Amino acid sequence: MLDDLSVLKKIKEGDVNTFEKIFRLYYSPLCLYAAGITGKMYIAEEIVQELFYVCWKERGKLQILHSLKNYLYGAVRNRSLQYYERQEVKNRHRETVFKTNDNDISNPQDLLEYKELEDLINRTLDKLPERRLRIFQMHRFEGKKYAEIASELSLSVKTVEAEMTKALQILRKEIENYIRIA
């Protein structure tokens, strides 16, 4: 505990070398731990990287009451479970949409057009810059308000609004092109 306090103190003071040592020590085990929860290594790596990014960015505010190791594993567990829960919500939403749309679509041509449009939307979203995509997903799929997103990503609300506007403009343009062609 005493060693953790000195490490935390050095990190709060901006000691990059100490932070890098902690990162190197815990990165791989935390990724494996997160992958065990999320089931996907690339998601686990993203979760751990984001945790370390936030820890460094908010280092002056860090309050570790127990050991640094327990703090990091607890934070990774919570973030991994949040990811898993969001995926479950997203999957339930998709199932509901598909059930509703499959019932509404009576002929194969309409179903094919629906699937094409869905593919177009997914391809367009995949092309968005990472931050813009994350903001879009948080707002549209997770139902978060701009202020919540701004707080979680350490951005201004105006930046979140601007990113959402750009994402929606790109989607509208792609959909308009699809409708003109179809």
N, C-alpha and C. Protein backbone atom coordinates (compact mmCIF):
# COMPACT_ATOMS: atom_id res chain seq x y z
N MET A 1 0.83 -1.20 0.00
CA MET A 1 0.00 0.00 0.00
C MET A 1 0.86 1.25 0.00
N LEU A 2 1.94 1.23 0.80
CA LEU A 2 2.83 2.39 0.86
C LEU A 2 3.47 2.62 -0.50
N ASP A 3 3.87 1.53 -1.19
CA ASP A 3 4.47 1.65 -2.51
C ASP A 3 3.46 2.22 -3.50
N ASP A 4 2.20 1.77 -3.40
CA ASP A 4 1.15 2.27 -4.28
C ASP A 4 0.95 3.77 -4.08
N LEU A 5 1.04 4.22 -2.84
CA LEU A 5 0.89 5.64 -2.56
C LEU A 5 2.00 6.45 -3.21
N SER A 6 3.23 5.95 -3.16
CA SER A 6 4.34 6.68 -3.79
C SER A 6 4.21 6.66 -5.31
N VAL A 7 3.75 5.54 -5.87
CA VAL A 7 3.54 5.44 -7.31
C VAL A 7 2.44 6.42 -7.73
N LEU A 8 1.35 6.43 -6.99
CA LEU A 8 0.24 7.33 -7.29
C LEU A 8 0.70 8.79 -7.20
N LYS A 9 1.50 9.09 -6.20
CA LYS A 9 2.00 10.45 -6.03
C LYS A 9 2.84 10.86 -7.24
N LYS A 10 3.72 9.96 -7.70
CA LYS A 10 4.57 10.25 -8.86
C LYS A 10 3.73 10.45 -10.12
N ILE A 11 2.71 9.62 -10.28
CA ILE A 11 1.83 9.75 -11.45
C ILE A 11 1.09 11.07 -11.40
N LYS A 12 0.57 11.43 -10.23
CA LYS A 12 -0.14 12.71 -10.08
C LYS A 12 0.77 13.89 -10.40
N GLU A 13 2.05 13.73 -10.13
CA GLU A 13 3.02 14.80 -10.41
C GLU A 13 3.44 14.81 -11.88
N GLY A 14 2.95 13.84 -12.64
CA GLY A 14 3.24 13.81 -14.08
C GLY A 14 4.46 13.01 -14.46
N ASP A 15 4.87 12.08 -13.63
CA ASP A 15 6.04 11.25 -13.91
C ASP A 15 5.68 10.21 -14.98
N VAL A 16 6.07 10.49 -16.21
CA VAL A 16 5.74 9.63 -17.35
C VAL A 16 6.38 8.26 -17.22
N ASN A 17 7.60 8.20 -16.73
CA ASN A 17 8.30 6.91 -16.60
C ASN A 17 7.57 5.97 -15.65
N THR A 18 7.11 6.50 -14.54
CA THR A 18 6.37 5.67 -13.58
C THR A 18 5.07 5.18 -14.21
N PHE A 19 4.37 6.08 -14.88
CA PHE A 19 3.11 5.71 -15.53
C PHE A 19 3.37 4.63 -16.58
N GLU A 20 4.44 4.79 -17.35
CA GLU A 20 4.77 3.82 -18.39
C GLU A 20 5.08 2.45 -17.78
N LYS A 21 5.77 2.43 -16.64
CA LYS A 21 6.07 1.16 -15.97
C LYS A 21 4.78 0.46 -15.54
N ILE A 22 3.86 1.23 -14.99
CA ILE A 22 2.57 0.66 -14.56
C ILE A 22 1.82 0.14 -15.79
N PHE A 23 1.83 0.92 -16.86
CA PHE A 23 1.17 0.50 -18.09
C PHE A 23 1.75 -0.83 -18.59
N ARG A 24 3.06 -0.90 -18.68
CA ARG A 24 3.72 -2.12 -19.18
C ARG A 24 3.47 -3.32 -18.26
N LEU A 25 3.42 -3.08 -16.96
CA LEU A 25 3.20 -4.14 -15.99
C LEU A 25 1.79 -4.73 -16.09
N TYR A 26 0.79 -3.86 -16.25
CA TYR A 26 -0.60 -4.30 -16.16
C TYR A 26 -1.33 -4.44 -17.50
N TYR A 27 -0.81 -3.88 -18.56
CA TYR A 27 -1.56 -3.85 -19.82
C TYR A 27 -2.00 -5.24 -20.28
N SER A 28 -1.08 -6.16 -20.46
CA SER A 28 -1.44 -7.49 -20.97
C SER A 28 -2.37 -8.26 -20.04
N PRO A 29 -2.07 -8.33 -18.73
CA PRO A 29 -3.01 -9.05 -17.85
C PRO A 29 -4.41 -8.42 -17.83
N LEU A 30 -4.47 -7.10 -17.89
CA LEU A 30 -5.79 -6.44 -17.91
C LEU A 30 -6.53 -6.73 -19.20
N CYS A 31 -5.80 -6.79 -20.31
CA CYS A 31 -6.44 -7.13 -21.60
C CYS A 31 -7.01 -8.54 -21.56
N LEU A 32 -6.25 -9.47 -21.02
CA LEU A 32 -6.74 -10.85 -20.92
C LEU A 32 -7.97 -10.93 -20.02
N TYR A 33 -7.94 -10.18 -18.93
CA TYR A 33 -9.07 -10.15 -18.00
C TYR A 33 -10.31 -9.59 -18.69
N ALA A 34 -10.14 -8.47 -19.40
CA ALA A 34 -11.27 -7.85 -20.11
C ALA A 34 -11.78 -8.74 -21.23
N ALA A 35 -10.87 -9.42 -21.91
CA ALA A 35 -11.28 -10.32 -23.00
C ALA A 35 -12.11 -11.48 -22.46
N GLY A 36 -11.82 -11.91 -21.23
CA GLY A 36 -12.61 -12.96 -20.61
C GLY A 36 -14.04 -12.53 -20.37
N ILE A 37 -14.25 -11.23 -20.19
CA ILE A 37 -15.60 -10.71 -19.94
C ILE A 37 -16.29 -10.37 -21.26
N THR A 38 -15.57 -9.67 -22.14
CA THR A 38 -16.20 -9.21 -23.39
C THR A 38 -16.23 -10.27 -24.47
N GLY A 39 -15.28 -11.20 -24.40
CA GLY A 39 -15.20 -12.24 -25.41
C GLY A 39 -14.45 -11.82 -26.66
N LYS A 40 -13.92 -10.60 -26.68
CA LYS A 40 -13.21 -10.09 -27.85
C LYS A 40 -11.96 -9.35 -27.42
N MET A 41 -10.82 -9.79 -27.94
CA MET A 41 -9.55 -9.18 -27.55
C MET A 41 -9.44 -7.73 -28.01
N TYR A 42 -9.90 -7.43 -29.22
CA TYR A 42 -9.75 -6.05 -29.70
C TYR A 42 -10.59 -5.08 -28.86
N ILE A 43 -11.73 -5.53 -28.37
CA ILE A 43 -12.56 -4.70 -27.48
C ILE A 43 -11.84 -4.56 -26.14
N ALA A 44 -11.29 -5.65 -25.65
CA ALA A 44 -10.56 -5.63 -24.38
C ALA A 44 -9.40 -4.64 -24.44
N GLU A 45 -8.65 -4.68 -25.53
CA GLU A 45 -7.53 -3.75 -25.68
C GLU A 45 -8.01 -2.30 -25.69
N GLU A 46 -9.13 -2.06 -26.35
CA GLU A 46 -9.70 -0.72 -26.40
C GLU A 46 -10.11 -0.25 -25.00
N ILE A 47 -10.71 -1.14 -24.25
CA ILE A 47 -11.14 -0.81 -22.89
C ILE A 47 -9.94 -0.46 -22.01
N VAL A 48 -8.91 -1.27 -22.08
CA VAL A 48 -7.72 -1.05 -21.24
C VAL A 48 -6.99 0.22 -21.68
N GLN A 49 -6.87 0.42 -22.97
CA GLN A 49 -6.21 1.63 -23.46
C GLN A 49 -6.97 2.88 -23.03
N GLU A 50 -8.29 2.82 -23.14
CA GLU A 50 -9.09 3.97 -22.72
C GLU A 50 -8.96 4.22 -21.22
N LEU A 51 -8.90 3.15 -20.43
CA LEU A 51 -8.72 3.31 -18.99
C LEU A 51 -7.40 4.01 -18.68
N PHE A 52 -6.33 3.55 -19.30
CA PHE A 52 -5.04 4.19 -19.05
C PHE A 52 -5.02 5.63 -19.55
N TYR A 53 -5.67 5.88 -20.67
CA TYR A 53 -5.76 7.25 -21.18
C TYR A 53 -6.46 8.16 -20.17
N VAL A 54 -7.60 7.69 -19.67
CA VAL A 54 -8.36 8.48 -18.71
C VAL A 54 -7.56 8.65 -17.41
N CYS A 55 -6.89 7.59 -16.98
CA CYS A 55 -6.07 7.69 -15.76
C CYS A 55 -4.99 8.76 -15.91
N TRP A 56 -4.35 8.79 -17.07
CA TRP A 56 -3.30 9.78 -17.27
C TRP A 56 -3.90 11.18 -17.37
N LYS A 57 -4.96 11.29 -18.12
CA LYS A 57 -5.59 12.59 -18.32
C LYS A 57 -6.15 13.16 -17.02
N GLU A 58 -6.70 12.29 -16.20
CA GLU A 58 -7.32 12.70 -14.94
C GLU A 58 -6.44 12.37 -13.74
N ARG A 59 -5.14 12.25 -13.95
CA ARG A 59 -4.23 11.79 -12.90
C ARG A 59 -4.28 12.65 -11.65
N GLY A 60 -4.54 13.94 -11.79
CA GLY A 60 -4.62 14.82 -10.62
C GLY A 60 -5.81 14.52 -9.74
N LYS A 61 -6.83 13.89 -10.31
CA LYS A 61 -8.06 13.60 -9.58
C LYS A 61 -8.13 12.15 -9.09
N LEU A 62 -7.15 11.33 -9.48
CA LEU A 62 -7.19 9.91 -9.11
C LEU A 62 -7.23 9.73 -7.60
N GLN A 63 -8.14 8.89 -7.17
CA GLN A 63 -8.24 8.56 -5.75
C GLN A 63 -8.28 7.05 -5.64
N ILE A 64 -7.17 6.48 -5.25
CA ILE A 64 -7.07 5.04 -5.11
C ILE A 64 -7.03 4.74 -3.62
N LEU A 65 -8.08 4.10 -3.15
CA LEU A 65 -8.22 3.85 -1.72
C LEU A 65 -7.55 2.56 -1.29
N HIS A 66 -7.45 1.60 -2.18
CA HIS A 66 -6.82 0.32 -1.88
C HIS A 66 -5.57 0.21 -2.73
N SER A 67 -5.30 -0.93 -3.26
CA SER A 67 -4.11 -1.09 -4.08
C SER A 67 -4.37 -0.62 -5.51
N LEU A 68 -3.31 -0.22 -6.18
CA LEU A 68 -3.38 0.19 -7.57
C LEU A 68 -3.88 -0.96 -8.44
N LYS A 69 -3.40 -2.15 -8.16
CA LYS A 69 -3.81 -3.34 -8.91
C LYS A 69 -5.32 -3.56 -8.78
N ASN A 70 -5.84 -3.49 -7.56
CA ASN A 70 -7.28 -3.67 -7.36
C ASN A 70 -8.08 -2.60 -8.08
N TYR A 71 -7.58 -1.37 -8.05
CA TYR A 71 -8.25 -0.26 -8.72
C TYR A 71 -8.34 -0.54 -10.22
N LEU A 72 -7.22 -0.92 -10.83
CA LEU A 72 -7.19 -1.15 -12.27
C LEU A 72 -8.08 -2.32 -12.68
N TYR A 73 -8.00 -3.42 -11.94
CA TYR A 73 -8.84 -4.57 -12.26
C TYR A 73 -10.32 -4.26 -12.06
N GLY A 74 -10.64 -3.51 -11.02
CA GLY A 74 -12.04 -3.13 -10.78
C GLY A 74 -12.56 -2.24 -11.89
N ALA A 75 -11.74 -1.27 -12.31
CA ALA A 75 -12.14 -0.37 -13.38
C ALA A 75 -12.33 -1.12 -14.69
N VAL A 76 -11.43 -2.05 -14.99
CA VAL A 76 -11.55 -2.85 -16.22
C VAL A 76 -12.78 -3.74 -16.15
N ARG A 77 -13.02 -4.34 -15.00
CA ARG A 77 -14.23 -5.17 -14.84
C ARG A 77 -15.48 -4.34 -15.10
N ASN A 78 -15.57 -3.17 -14.49
CA ASN A 78 -16.75 -2.32 -14.66
C ASN A 78 -16.93 -1.89 -16.11
N ARG A 79 -15.85 -1.48 -16.75
CA ARG A 79 -15.94 -1.05 -18.14
C ARG A 79 -16.30 -2.22 -19.06
N SER A 80 -15.77 -3.37 -18.78
CA SER A 80 -16.07 -4.56 -19.59
C SER A 80 -17.52 -4.97 -19.43
N LEU A 81 -18.01 -4.93 -18.21
CA LEU A 81 -19.41 -5.27 -17.98
C LEU A 81 -20.34 -4.24 -18.63
N GLN A 82 -19.95 -2.97 -18.58
CA GLN A 82 -20.75 -1.94 -19.24
C GLN A 82 -20.80 -2.19 -20.74
N TYR A 83 -19.66 -2.56 -21.32
CA TYR A 83 -19.62 -2.87 -22.75
C TYR A 83 -20.56 -4.06 -23.04
N TYR A 84 -20.43 -5.09 -22.24
CA TYR A 84 -21.25 -6.29 -22.43
C TYR A 84 -22.74 -5.95 -22.34
N GLU A 85 -23.11 -5.13 -21.34
CA GLU A 85 -24.52 -4.74 -21.18
C GLU A 85 -25.00 -3.92 -22.38
N ARG A 86 -24.15 -3.00 -22.86
CA ARG A 86 -24.53 -2.20 -24.04
C ARG A 86 -24.74 -3.09 -25.25
N GLN A 87 -23.89 -4.10 -25.40
CA GLN A 87 -24.04 -5.02 -26.52
C GLN A 87 -25.36 -5.79 -26.41
N GLU A 88 -25.69 -6.19 -25.21
CA GLU A 88 -26.96 -6.90 -25.00
C GLU A 88 -28.15 -6.01 -25.37
N VAL A 89 -28.11 -4.76 -24.96
CA VAL A 89 -29.18 -3.82 -25.28
C VAL A 89 -29.26 -3.62 -26.79
N LYS A 90 -28.10 -3.44 -27.41
CA LYS A 90 -28.05 -3.24 -28.86
C LYS A 90 -28.62 -4.46 -29.59
N ASN A 91 -28.25 -5.66 -29.13
CA ASN A 91 -28.74 -6.88 -29.76
C ASN A 91 -30.25 -7.03 -29.61
N ARG A 92 -30.75 -6.73 -28.41
CA ARG A 92 -32.21 -6.79 -28.20
C ARG A 92 -32.91 -5.78 -29.10
N HIS A 93 -32.32 -4.59 -29.22
CA HIS A 93 -32.91 -3.56 -30.08
C HIS A 93 -32.93 -4.03 -31.54
N ARG A 94 -31.83 -4.59 -32.00
CA ARG A 94 -31.76 -5.08 -33.38
C ARG A 94 -32.80 -6.18 -33.62
N GLU A 95 -32.91 -7.09 -32.66
CA GLU A 95 -33.90 -8.16 -32.81
C GLU A 95 -35.30 -7.60 -32.91
N THR A 96 -35.59 -6.60 -32.10
CA THR A 96 -36.91 -5.98 -32.13
C THR A 96 -37.14 -5.31 -33.48
N VAL A 97 -36.14 -4.58 -33.96
CA VAL A 97 -36.25 -3.90 -35.25
C VAL A 97 -36.44 -4.92 -36.36
N PHE A 98 -35.65 -5.98 -36.34
CA PHE A 98 -35.77 -6.99 -37.40
C PHE A 98 -37.13 -7.67 -37.35
N LYS A 99 -37.60 -8.00 -36.16
CA LYS A 99 -38.92 -8.64 -36.05
C LYS A 99 -40.00 -7.72 -36.59
N THR A 100 -39.93 -6.45 -36.19
CA THR A 100 -40.91 -5.48 -36.65
C THR A 100 -40.81 -5.29 -38.15
N ASN A 101 -39.60 -5.12 -38.64
CA ASN A 101 -39.42 -4.88 -40.08
C ASN A 101 -39.71 -6.12 -40.90
N ASP A 102 -39.35 -7.28 -40.40
CA ASP A 102 -39.63 -8.51 -41.14
C ASP A 102 -41.14 -8.73 -41.25
N ASN A 103 -41.87 -8.35 -40.22
CA ASN A 103 -43.33 -8.49 -40.26
C ASN A 103 -43.94 -7.46 -41.21
N ASP A 104 -43.32 -6.27 -41.29
CA ASP A 104 -43.85 -5.22 -42.14
C ASP A 104 -43.49 -5.43 -43.61
N ILE A 105 -42.40 -6.12 -43.85
CA ILE A 105 -41.94 -6.33 -45.22
C ILE A 105 -42.55 -7.63 -45.73
N SER A 106 -43.40 -7.48 -46.73
CA SER A 106 -44.16 -8.64 -47.17
C SER A 106 -43.57 -9.34 -48.40
N ASN A 107 -42.80 -8.60 -49.19
CA ASN A 107 -42.28 -9.29 -50.38
C ASN A 107 -40.75 -9.31 -50.37
N PRO A 108 -40.18 -10.26 -51.08
CA PRO A 108 -38.72 -10.43 -51.08
C PRO A 108 -37.96 -9.20 -51.59
N GLN A 109 -38.52 -8.48 -52.55
CA GLN A 109 -37.86 -7.28 -53.08
C GLN A 109 -37.70 -6.23 -51.99
N ASP A 110 -38.76 -6.00 -51.21
CA ASP A 110 -38.68 -5.02 -50.12
C ASP A 110 -37.66 -5.46 -49.07
N LEU A 111 -37.65 -6.75 -48.78
CA LEU A 111 -36.70 -7.27 -47.80
C LEU A 111 -35.27 -7.08 -48.29
N LEU A 112 -35.02 -7.35 -49.56
CA LEU A 112 -33.70 -7.17 -50.15
C LEU A 112 -33.27 -5.70 -50.08
N GLU A 113 -34.18 -4.78 -50.41
CA GLU A 113 -33.87 -3.36 -50.36
C GLU A 113 -33.57 -2.92 -48.92
N TYR A 114 -34.33 -3.45 -47.99
CA TYR A 114 -34.10 -3.13 -46.58
C TYR A 114 -32.70 -3.59 -46.16
N LYS A 115 -32.33 -4.81 -46.53
CA LYS A 115 -31.01 -5.34 -46.17
C LYS A 115 -29.90 -4.52 -46.83
N GLU A 116 -30.10 -4.12 -48.09
CA GLU A 116 -29.10 -3.30 -48.78
C GLU A 116 -28.91 -1.97 -48.07
N LEU A 117 -30.01 -1.36 -47.68
CA LEU A 117 -29.93 -0.07 -46.97
C LEU A 117 -29.24 -0.24 -45.62
N GLU A 118 -29.55 -1.31 -44.94
CA GLU A 118 -28.90 -1.58 -43.66
C GLU A 118 -27.39 -1.76 -43.85
N ASP A 119 -26.99 -2.50 -44.88
CA ASP A 119 -25.56 -2.70 -45.19
C ASP A 119 -24.89 -1.37 -45.52
N LEU A 120 -25.57 -0.54 -46.29
CA LEU A 120 -25.03 0.78 -46.64
C LEU A 120 -24.80 1.61 -45.38
N ILE A 121 -25.74 1.61 -44.48
CA ILE A 121 -25.61 2.36 -43.23
C ILE A 121 -24.43 1.83 -42.42
N ASN A 122 -24.33 0.52 -42.30
CA ASN A 122 -23.22 -0.07 -41.53
C ASN A 122 -21.86 0.25 -42.17
N ARG A 123 -21.77 0.18 -43.50
CA ARG A 123 -20.51 0.51 -44.19
C ARG A 123 -20.17 1.98 -43.99
N THR A 124 -21.18 2.85 -44.04
CA THR A 124 -20.95 4.28 -43.85
C THR A 124 -20.47 4.55 -42.44
N LEU A 125 -21.08 3.91 -41.46
CA LEU A 125 -20.65 4.09 -40.07
C LEU A 125 -19.23 3.60 -39.87
N ASP A 126 -18.87 2.51 -40.53
CA ASP A 126 -17.51 1.97 -40.41
C ASP A 126 -16.45 2.94 -40.94
N LYS A 127 -16.84 3.81 -41.87
CA LYS A 127 -15.90 4.77 -42.45
C LYS A 127 -15.70 6.01 -41.58
N LEU A 128 -16.57 6.21 -40.60
CA LEU A 128 -16.46 7.41 -39.76
C LEU A 128 -15.19 7.36 -38.92
N PRO A 129 -14.61 8.53 -38.64
CA PRO A 129 -13.47 8.56 -37.72
C PRO A 129 -13.88 7.96 -36.37
N GLU A 130 -12.92 7.39 -35.68
CA GLU A 130 -13.20 6.64 -34.45
C GLU A 130 -14.00 7.46 -33.43
N ARG A 131 -13.57 8.68 -33.17
CA ARG A 131 -14.27 9.50 -32.15
C ARG A 131 -15.69 9.79 -32.59
N ARG A 132 -15.89 10.12 -33.84
CA ARG A 132 -17.23 10.44 -34.35
C ARG A 132 -18.13 9.22 -34.26
N LEU A 133 -17.59 8.06 -34.62
CA LEU A 133 -18.37 6.81 -34.54
C LEU A 133 -18.74 6.52 -33.09
N ARG A 134 -17.78 6.68 -32.18
CA ARG A 134 -18.04 6.42 -30.75
C ARG A 134 -19.15 7.33 -30.24
N ILE A 135 -19.09 8.62 -30.59
CA ILE A 135 -20.11 9.57 -30.17
C ILE A 135 -21.47 9.18 -30.75
N PHE A 136 -21.48 8.82 -32.03
CA PHE A 136 -22.73 8.41 -32.68
C PHE A 136 -23.33 7.19 -31.98
N GLN A 137 -22.50 6.19 -31.71
CA GLN A 137 -22.97 4.97 -31.06
C GLN A 137 -23.50 5.26 -29.66
N MET A 138 -22.77 6.09 -28.93
CA MET A 138 -23.19 6.40 -27.57
C MET A 138 -24.55 7.10 -27.57
N HIS A 139 -24.76 7.98 -28.55
CA HIS A 139 -26.02 8.72 -28.60
C HIS A 139 -27.16 7.87 -29.16
N ARG A 140 -26.92 7.24 -30.30
CA ARG A 140 -28.00 6.53 -31.00
C ARG A 140 -28.27 5.13 -30.47
N PHE A 141 -27.22 4.41 -30.09
CA PHE A 141 -27.42 3.03 -29.66
C PHE A 141 -27.52 2.89 -28.16
N GLU A 142 -26.80 3.74 -27.43
CA GLU A 142 -26.81 3.64 -25.96
C GLU A 142 -27.77 4.64 -25.33
N GLY A 143 -28.29 5.56 -26.14
CA GLY A 143 -29.29 6.51 -25.66
C GLY A 143 -28.74 7.58 -24.73
N LYS A 144 -27.46 7.87 -24.82
CA LYS A 144 -26.86 8.87 -23.93
C LYS A 144 -27.08 10.27 -24.49
N LYS A 145 -27.22 11.20 -23.59
CA LYS A 145 -27.38 12.61 -23.96
C LYS A 145 -26.01 13.20 -24.26
N TYR A 146 -26.03 14.31 -25.00
CA TYR A 146 -24.77 14.95 -25.38
C TYR A 146 -23.91 15.28 -24.16
N ALA A 147 -24.52 15.77 -23.10
CA ALA A 147 -23.76 16.14 -21.90
C ALA A 147 -23.08 14.92 -21.28
N GLU A 148 -23.78 13.78 -21.26
CA GLU A 148 -23.19 12.55 -20.72
C GLU A 148 -21.99 12.12 -21.57
N ILE A 149 -22.17 12.19 -22.87
CA ILE A 149 -21.09 11.79 -23.78
C ILE A 149 -19.89 12.71 -23.59
N ALA A 150 -20.16 14.00 -23.53
CA ALA A 150 -19.09 14.98 -23.36
C ALA A 150 -18.32 14.71 -22.08
N SER A 151 -19.03 14.42 -21.01
CA SER A 151 -18.39 14.16 -19.73
C SER A 151 -17.56 12.88 -19.78
N GLU A 152 -18.12 11.84 -20.35
CA GLU A 152 -17.44 10.55 -20.39
C GLU A 152 -16.19 10.57 -21.28
N LEU A 153 -16.25 11.35 -22.37
CA LEU A 153 -15.13 11.39 -23.30
C LEU A 153 -14.23 12.61 -23.08
N SER A 154 -14.54 13.38 -22.05
CA SER A 154 -13.77 14.59 -21.73
C SER A 154 -13.73 15.56 -22.92
N LEU A 155 -14.90 15.82 -23.48
CA LEU A 155 -15.05 16.75 -24.59
C LEU A 155 -16.05 17.82 -24.19
N SER A 156 -16.12 18.88 -24.96
CA SER A 156 -17.15 19.87 -24.72
C SER A 156 -18.45 19.39 -25.37
N VAL A 157 -19.57 19.89 -24.88
CA VAL A 157 -20.86 19.51 -25.45
C VAL A 157 -20.93 19.98 -26.90
N LYS A 158 -20.35 21.14 -27.18
CA LYS A 158 -20.33 21.66 -28.56
C LYS A 158 -19.58 20.73 -29.50
N THR A 159 -18.49 20.14 -29.03
CA THR A 159 -17.73 19.19 -29.85
C THR A 159 -18.58 17.96 -30.15
N VAL A 160 -19.29 17.48 -29.13
CA VAL A 160 -20.17 16.32 -29.33
C VAL A 160 -21.26 16.66 -30.33
N GLU A 161 -21.87 17.83 -30.19
CA GLU A 161 -22.91 18.26 -31.14
C GLU A 161 -22.35 18.33 -32.56
N ALA A 162 -21.17 18.92 -32.70
CA ALA A 162 -20.56 19.05 -34.03
C ALA A 162 -20.27 17.68 -34.64
N GLU A 163 -19.75 16.75 -33.84
CA GLU A 163 -19.45 15.41 -34.35
C GLU A 163 -20.73 14.68 -34.77
N MET A 164 -21.79 14.83 -33.98
CA MET A 164 -23.07 14.20 -34.34
C MET A 164 -23.63 14.80 -35.62
N THR A 165 -23.53 16.12 -35.75
CA THR A 165 -24.01 16.79 -36.96
C THR A 165 -23.27 16.26 -38.18
N LYS A 166 -21.95 16.15 -38.08
CA LYS A 166 -21.16 15.65 -39.20
C LYS A 166 -21.53 14.20 -39.54
N ALA A 167 -21.69 13.38 -38.51
CA ALA A 167 -22.06 11.97 -38.74
C ALA A 167 -23.41 11.87 -39.45
N LEU A 168 -24.37 12.65 -38.99
CA LEU A 168 -25.70 12.60 -39.59
C LEU A 168 -25.70 13.15 -41.01
N GLN A 169 -24.89 14.18 -41.28
CA GLN A 169 -24.77 14.70 -42.64
C GLN A 169 -24.23 13.63 -43.58
N ILE A 170 -23.21 12.91 -43.14
CA ILE A 170 -22.62 11.86 -43.97
C ILE A 170 -23.64 10.76 -44.22
N LEU A 171 -24.36 10.35 -43.19
CA LEU A 171 -25.38 9.31 -43.35
C LEU A 171 -26.47 9.77 -44.32
N ARG A 172 -26.96 11.01 -44.15
CA ARG A 172 -28.00 11.53 -45.04
C ARG A 172 -27.53 11.51 -46.49
N LYS A 173 -26.30 11.95 -46.71
CA LYS A 173 -25.76 12.02 -48.07
C LYS A 173 -25.71 10.62 -48.69
N GLU A 174 -25.23 9.63 -47.94
CA GLU A 174 -25.14 8.27 -48.46
C GLU A 174 -26.53 7.69 -48.74
N ILE A 175 -27.47 7.97 -47.85
CA ILE A 175 -28.83 7.45 -48.04
C ILE A 175 -29.49 8.13 -49.23
N GLU A 176 -29.27 9.44 -49.39
CA GLU A 176 -29.83 10.14 -50.55
C GLU A 176 -29.27 9.56 -51.84
N ASN A 177 -27.97 9.28 -51.86
CA ASN A 177 -27.36 8.66 -53.05
C ASN A 177 -27.98 7.31 -53.33
N TYR A 178 -28.22 6.54 -52.28
CA TYR A 178 -28.81 5.20 -52.43
C TYR A 178 -30.23 5.32 -53.00
N ILE A 179 -30.99 6.27 -52.49
CA ILE A 179 -32.38 6.43 -52.93
C ILE A 179 -32.43 6.88 -54.40
N ARG A 180 -31.50 7.76 -54.81
CA ARG A 180 -31.46 8.19 -56.21
C ARG A 180 -31.13 7.04 -57.16
N ILE A 181 -30.24 6.16 -56.70
CA ILE A 181 -29.82 5.02 -57.52
C ILE A 181 -30.92 3.97 -57.57
N ALA A 182 -31.58 3.74 -56.45
CA ALA A 182 -32.56 2.66 -56.33
C ALA A 182 -33.83 2.93 -57.08
